[in-house]
PDB file of N, CA and C in Angstrom:
ATOM      1  N   MET A   1      -2.983   4.446   5.827  1.00  0.00           N
ATOM      2  CA  MET A   1      -2.846   3.170   5.412  1.00  0.00           C
ATOM      3  C   MET A   1      -1.150   3.634   5.467  1.00  0.00           C
ATOM      4  N   ARG A   2      -0.674   4.787   4.688  1.00  0.00           N
ATOM      5  CA  ARG A   2       0.727   4.941   4.283  1.00  0.00           C
ATOM      6  C   ARG A   2       1.365   3.949   5.996  1.00  0.00           C
ATOM      7  N   ARG A   3       0.992   5.274   6.754  1.00  0.00           N
ATOM      8  CA  ARG A   3       1.316   4.527   8.397  1.00  0.00           C
ATOM      9  C   ARG A   3       1.378   3.207   8.488  1.00  0.00           C
ATOM     10  N   ALA A   4       0.896   2.117   8.559  1.00  0.00           N
ATOM     11  CA  ALA A   4       0.429   0.758   8.315  1.00  0.00           C
ATOM     12  C   ALA A   4       1.770   0.206   7.769  1.00  0.00           C
ATOM     13  N   VAL A   5       1.986   0.592   6.377  1.00  0.00           N
ATOM     14  CA  VAL A   5       3.376  -0.171   5.736  1.00  0.00           C
ATOM     15  C   VAL A   5       4.241   0.076   5.769  1.00  0.00           C
ATOM     16  N   VAL A   6       4.785   1.702   7.098  1.00  0.00           N
ATOM     17  CA  VAL A   6       6.237   1.898   7.493  1.00  0.00           C
ATOM     18  C   VAL A   6       6.079   1.370   8.523  1.00  0.00           C
ATOM     19  N   LYS A   7       4.913   0.985   9.560  1.00  0.00           N
ATOM     20  CA  LYS A   7       5.476   0.342  11.065  1.00  0.00           C
ATOM     21  C   LYS A   7       5.528  -1.222  10.540  1.00  0.00           C
ATOM     22  N   ARG A   8       5.403  -1.541   9.378  1.00  0.00           N
ATOM     23  CA  ARG A   8       5.101  -3.057   8.578  1.00  0.00           C
ATOM     24  C   ARG A   8       6.947  -2.902   8.083  1.00  0.00           C
ATOM     25  N   PHE A   9       7.041  -2.134   7.281  1.00  0.00           N
ATOM     26  CA  PHE A   9       8.100  -2.687   6.708  1.00  0.00           C
ATOM     27  C   PHE A   9       9.088  -1.822   7.063  1.00  0.00           C
ATOM     28  N   GLY A  10       8.900  -0.275   7.851  1.00  0.00           N
ATOM     29  CA  GLY A  10       9.846   0.463   7.729  1.00  0.00           C
ATOM     30  C   GLY A  10      10.125   1.406   6.844  1.00  0.00           C
ATOM     31  N   GLU A  11      10.789   2.259   7.307  1.00  0.00           N
ATOM     32  CA  GLU A  11      10.463   3.658   6.300  1.00  0.00           C
ATOM     33  C   GLU A  11      11.655   3.672   5.345  1.00  0.00           C
ATOM     34  N   SER A  12      11.034   3.911   4.168  1.00  0.00           N
ATOM     35  CA  SER A  12      11.898   4.262   2.809  1.00  0.00           C
ATOM     36  C   SER A  12      10.605   5.618   2.060  1.00  0.00           C
ATOM     37  N   ALA A  13      11.899   6.959   2.293  1.00  0.00           N
ATOM     38  CA  ALA A  13      11.133   8.380   1.563  1.00  0.00           C
ATOM     39  C   ALA A  13      10.857   8.113   0.118  1.00  0.00           C
ATOM     40  N   PRO A  14      11.340   7.289  -0.410  1.00  0.00           N
ATOM     41  CA  PRO A  14      11.216   7.550  -1.698  1.00  0.00           C
ATOM     42  C   PRO A  14       9.820   6.571  -2.467  1.00  0.00           C
ATOM     43  N   GLN A  15       9.433   5.459  -1.500  1.00  0.00           N
ATOM     44  CA  GLN A  15       8.832   4.833  -1.536  1.00  0.00           C
ATOM     45  C   GLN A  15       7.969   5.233  -0.472  1.00  0.00           C
ATOM     46  N   ASP A  16       7.254   5.704   0.080  1.00  0.00           N
ATOM     47  CA  ASP A  16       6.554   6.188   1.020  1.00  0.00           C
ATOM     48  C   ASP A  16       6.166   7.429  -0.039  1.00  0.00           C
ATOM     49  N   ALA A  17       6.587   8.391  -0.124  1.00  0.00           N
ATOM     50  CA  ALA A  17       6.361   9.293  -0.420  1.00  0.00           C
ATOM     51  C   ALA A  17       5.136   8.778  -2.185  1.00  0.00           C
ATOM     52  N   ALA A  18       5.985   8.064  -2.572  1.00  0.00           N
ATOM     53  CA  ALA A  18       5.230   7.665  -3.600  1.00  0.00           C
ATOM     54  C   ALA A  18       3.608   6.577  -3.518  1.00  0.00           C
ATOM     55  N   LEU A  19       3.832   6.048  -2.606  1.00  0.00           N
ATOM     56  CA  LEU A  19       2.431   5.265  -1.882  1.00  0.00           C
ATOM     57  C   LEU A  19       1.368   6.083  -1.793  1.00  0.00           C
ATOM     58  N   ALA A  20       2.382   7.023  -0.855  1.00  0.00           N
ATOM     59  CA  ALA A  20       0.971   8.184  -0.490  1.00  0.00           C
ATOM     60  C   ALA A  20       0.486   9.103  -1.474  1.00  0.00           C
ATOM     61  N   ALA A  21       0.998   9.264  -2.421  1.00  0.00           N
ATOM     62  CA  ALA A  21       0.412   9.959  -3.719  1.00  0.00           C
ATOM     63  C   ALA A  21      -0.479   9.091  -4.387  1.00  0.00           C
ATOM     64  N   THR A  22       0.079   7.946  -3.999  1.00  0.00           N
ATOM     65  CA  THR A  22      -1.105   7.283  -5.205  1.00  0.00           C
ATOM     66  C   THR A  22      -1.850   6.217  -3.958  1.00  0.00           C
ATOM     67  N   LEU A  23      -1.913   6.537  -3.029  1.00  0.00           N
ATOM     68  CA  LEU A  23      -2.812   5.992  -1.916  1.00  0.00           C
ATOM     69  C   LEU A  23      -3.855   7.272  -1.224  1.00  0.00           C
ATOM     70  N   SER A  24      -3.874   8.967  -2.013  1.00  0.00           N
ATOM     71  CA  SER A  24      -4.396  10.017  -1.645  1.00  0.00           C
ATOM     72  C   SER A  24      -5.457   9.651  -3.060  1.00  0.00           C
ATOM     73  N   LYS A  25      -5.589   8.834  -4.240  1.00  0.00           N
ATOM     74  CA  LYS A  25      -6.513   8.583  -4.964  1.00  0.00           C
ATOM     75  C   LYS A  25      -6.998   7.501  -4.790  1.00  0.00           C
ATOM     76  N   VAL A  26      -6.916   6.857  -4.021  1.00  0.00           N
ATOM     77  CA  VAL A  26      -8.343   5.869  -4.421  1.00  0.00           C
ATOM     78  C   VAL A  26      -9.147   6.223  -3.455  1.00  0.00           C
ATOM     79  N   SER A  27     -10.662   5.995  -3.094  1.00  0.00           N
ATOM     80  CA  SER A  27     -11.330   6.444  -2.916  1.00  0.00           C
ATOM     81  C   SER A  27     -12.509   5.068  -2.375  1.00  0.00           C
ATOM     82  N   GLU A  28     -12.129   3.932  -3.284  1.00  0.00           N
ATOM     83  CA  GLU A  28     -13.120   3.099  -2.772  1.00  0.00           C
ATOM     84  C   GLU A  28     -12.538   2.149  -2.281  1.00  0.00           C
ATOM     85  N   LEU A  29     -13.774   2.179  -1.090  1.00  0.00           N
ATOM     86  CA  LEU A  29     -13.788   1.742   0.476  1.00  0.00           C
ATOM     87  C   LEU A  29     -13.228   0.529   0.330  1.00  0.00           C
ATOM     88  N   ALA A  30     -13.931  -0.935  -1.033  1.00  0.00           N
ATOM     89  CA  ALA A  30     -13.028  -2.252  -1.093  1.00  0.00           C
ATOM     90  C   ALA A  30     -11.683  -2.133  -1.119  1.00  0.00           C
ATOM     91  N   MET A  31     -11.000  -1.135  -2.074  1.00  0.00           N
ATOM     92  CA  MET A  31     -10.006  -1.131  -2.842  1.00  0.00           C
ATOM     93  C   MET A  31      -8.521  -0.585  -1.513  1.00  0.00           C
ATOM     94  N   LEU A  32      -9.650   0.305  -0.329  1.00  0.00           N
ATOM     95  CA  LEU A  32      -8.778   0.219   0.599  1.00  0.00           C
ATOM     96  C   LEU A  32      -8.742  -0.870   1.427  1.00  0.00           C
ATOM     97  N   ASP A  33     -10.027  -1.290   1.952  1.00  0.00           N
ATOM     98  CA  ASP A  33      -9.189  -2.884   2.514  1.00  0.00           C
ATOM     99  C   ASP A  33      -8.814  -3.163   1.957  1.00  0.00           C
ATOM    100  N   GLU A  34      -8.790  -4.245   0.760  1.00  0.00           N
ATOM    101  CA  GLU A  34      -7.980  -4.931   0.139  1.00  0.00           C
ATOM    102  C   GLU A  34      -6.691  -4.213  -0.022  1.00  0.00           C
ATOM    103  N   LEU A  35      -6.568  -3.522   0.543  1.00  0.00           N
ATOM    104  CA  LEU A  35      -5.146  -2.846   0.307  1.00  0.00           C
ATOM    105  C   LEU A  35      -4.085  -2.991   1.825  1.00  0.00           C
ATOM    106  N   PHE A  36      -5.070  -2.887   2.841  1.00  0.00           N
ATOM    107  CA  PHE A  36      -4.851  -3.038   4.327  1.00  0.00           C
ATOM    108  C   PHE A  36      -4.532  -4.262   4.902  1.00  0.00           C
ATOM    109  N   ASP A  37      -5.817  -4.887   4.007  1.00  0.00           N
ATOM    110  CA  ASP A  37      -5.542  -6.125   4.399  1.00  0.00           C
ATOM    111  C   ASP A  37      -3.899  -7.215   3.898  1.00  0.00           C
ATOM    112  N   ALA A  38      -3.476  -6.315   2.545  1.00  0.00           N
ATOM    113  CA  ALA A  38      -2.380  -6.376   2.126  1.00  0.00           C
ATOM    114  C   ALA A  38      -1.211  -6.070   3.040  1.00  0.00           C
ATOM    115  N   ALA A  39      -0.922  -4.848   3.422  1.00  0.00           N
ATOM    116  CA  ALA A  39      -0.279  -4.645   4.045  1.00  0.00           C
ATOM    117  C   ALA A  39      -0.009  -4.993   5.719  1.00  0.00           C
ATOM    118  N   VAL A  40      -0.361  -5.783   5.949  1.00  0.00           N
ATOM    119  CA  VAL A  40      -0.928  -6.625   7.163  1.00  0.00           C
ATOM    120  C   VAL A  40      -0.326  -8.005   6.950  1.00  0.00           C
ATOM    121  N   LEU A  41      -0.579  -8.413   6.030  1.00  0.00           N
ATOM    122  CA  LEU A  41      -0.188 -10.033   5.549  1.00  0.00           C
ATOM    123  C   LEU A  41       0.847  -9.784   4.427  1.00  0.00           C
ATOM    124  N   CYS A  42       1.054  -9.627   3.547  1.00  0.00           N
ATOM    125  CA  CYS A  42       2.713  -9.204   2.978  1.00  0.00           C
ATOM    126  C   CYS A  42       3.669  -9.437   3.303  1.00  0.00           C
ATOM    127  N   ALA A  43       4.071 -10.422   2.686  1.00  0.00           N
ATOM    128  CA  ALA A  43       5.683 -11.060   3.588  1.00  0.00           C
ATOM    129  C   ALA A  43       7.133  -9.939   3.383  1.00  0.00           C
ATOM    130  N   SER A  44       6.977  -8.561   2.344  1.00  0.00           N
ATOM    131  CA  SER A  44       8.098  -8.138   2.249  1.00  0.00           C
ATOM    132  C   SER A  44       7.246  -6.608   1.530  1.00  0.00           C
ATOM    133  N   ARG A  45       7.600  -5.710   1.382  1.00  0.00           N
ATOM    134  CA  ARG A  45       7.245  -4.476   0.943  1.00  0.00           C
ATOM    135  C   ARG A  45       6.802  -4.280  -0.365  1.00  0.00           C
ATOM    136  N   ALA A  46       7.774  -5.312  -1.274  1.00  0.00           N
ATOM    137  CA  ALA A  46       8.060  -5.508  -2.864  1.00  0.00           C
ATOM    138  C   ALA A  46       6.690  -6.280  -3.115  1.00  0.00           C
ATOM    139  N   GLU A  47       6.148  -7.576  -2.086  1.00  0.00           N
ATOM    140  CA  GLU A  47       4.983  -8.153  -2.581  1.00  0.00           C
ATOM    141  C   GLU A  47       4.024  -6.837  -2.499  1.00  0.00           C
ATOM    142  N   PHE A  48       3.807  -5.989  -1.222  1.00  0.00           N
ATOM    143  CA  PHE A  48       2.649  -5.238  -1.175  1.00  0.00           C
ATOM    144  C   PHE A  48       2.875  -4.349  -2.057  1.00  0.00           C
ATOM    145  N   ASP A  49       3.735  -3.873  -2.456  1.00  0.00           N
ATOM    146  CA  ASP A  49       3.851  -3.569  -3.890  1.00  0.00           C
ATOM    147  C   ASP A  49       3.486  -3.380  -4.987  1.00  0.00           C
ATOM    148  N   ALA A  50       3.283  -4.937  -4.939  1.00  0.00           N
ATOM    149  CA  ALA A  50       3.130  -5.600  -6.108  1.00  0.00           C
ATOM    150  C   ALA A  50       1.290  -5.965  -6.243  1.00  0.00           C
ATOM    151  N   VAL A  51       0.960  -5.880  -5.069  1.00  0.00           N
ATOM    152  CA  VAL A  51      -0.420  -5.992  -5.098  1.00  0.00           C
ATOM    153  C   VAL A  51      -1.407  -4.654  -4.998  1.00  0.00           C
ATOM    154  N   VAL A  52      -0.646  -3.316  -4.656  1.00  0.00           N
ATOM    155  CA  VAL A  52      -1.150  -2.093  -4.849  1.00  0.00           C
ATOM    156  C   VAL A  52      -1.222  -1.814  -5.961  1.00  0.00           C
ATOM    157  N   VAL A  53      -0.355  -2.068  -7.370  1.00  0.00           N
ATOM    158  CA  VAL A  53      -0.260  -2.109  -8.816  1.00  0.00           C
ATOM    159  C   VAL A  53      -1.493  -3.034  -8.820  1.00  0.00           C
ATOM    160  N   ARG A  54      -1.538  -4.368  -8.809  1.00  0.00           N
ATOM    161  CA  ARG A  54      -2.614  -5.244  -9.394  1.00  0.00           C
ATOM    162  C   ARG A  54      -3.949  -4.555  -8.903  1.00  0.00           C
ATOM    163  N   VAL A  55      -3.903  -3.697  -7.532  1.00  0.00           N
ATOM    164  CA  VAL A  55      -5.874  -3.969  -7.412  1.00  0.00           C
ATOM    165  C   VAL A  55      -5.891  -2.397  -8.358  1.00  0.00           C
ATOM    166  N   LEU A  56      -4.784  -1.927  -8.532  1.00  0.00           N
ATOM    167  CA  LEU A  56      -5.403   0.448  -8.830  1.00  0.00           C
ATOM    168  C   LEU A  56      -5.596  -0.372 -10.608  1.00  0.00           C
ATOM    169  N   ARG A  57      -5.073  -1.405 -11.006  1.00  0.00           N
ATOM    170  CA  ARG A  57      -5.287  -1.202 -12.290  1.00  0.00           C
ATOM    171  C   ARG A  57      -6.331  -2.349 -12.528  1.00  0.00           C
ATOM    172  N   ARG A  58      -7.068  -2.364 -11.622  1.00  0.00           N
ATOM    173  CA  ARG A  58      -8.969  -2.677 -12.384  1.00  0.00           C
ATOM    174  C   ARG A  58      -9.572  -1.961 -11.903  1.00  0.00           C
TER     175      ARG A  58
END
């Protein structure tokens, strides 16, 4: 997942480290699918990060 985000939005070391730590805790396949779709479809990294927060709050 992190790789897809970096390829899509570019590299940002502090954000990427935080994202990797967050995603390592996600084990539910439906959540990972939703986050992957967001990585592909979101217009910006900020929009993607907002989706991550929303998905993980459920």
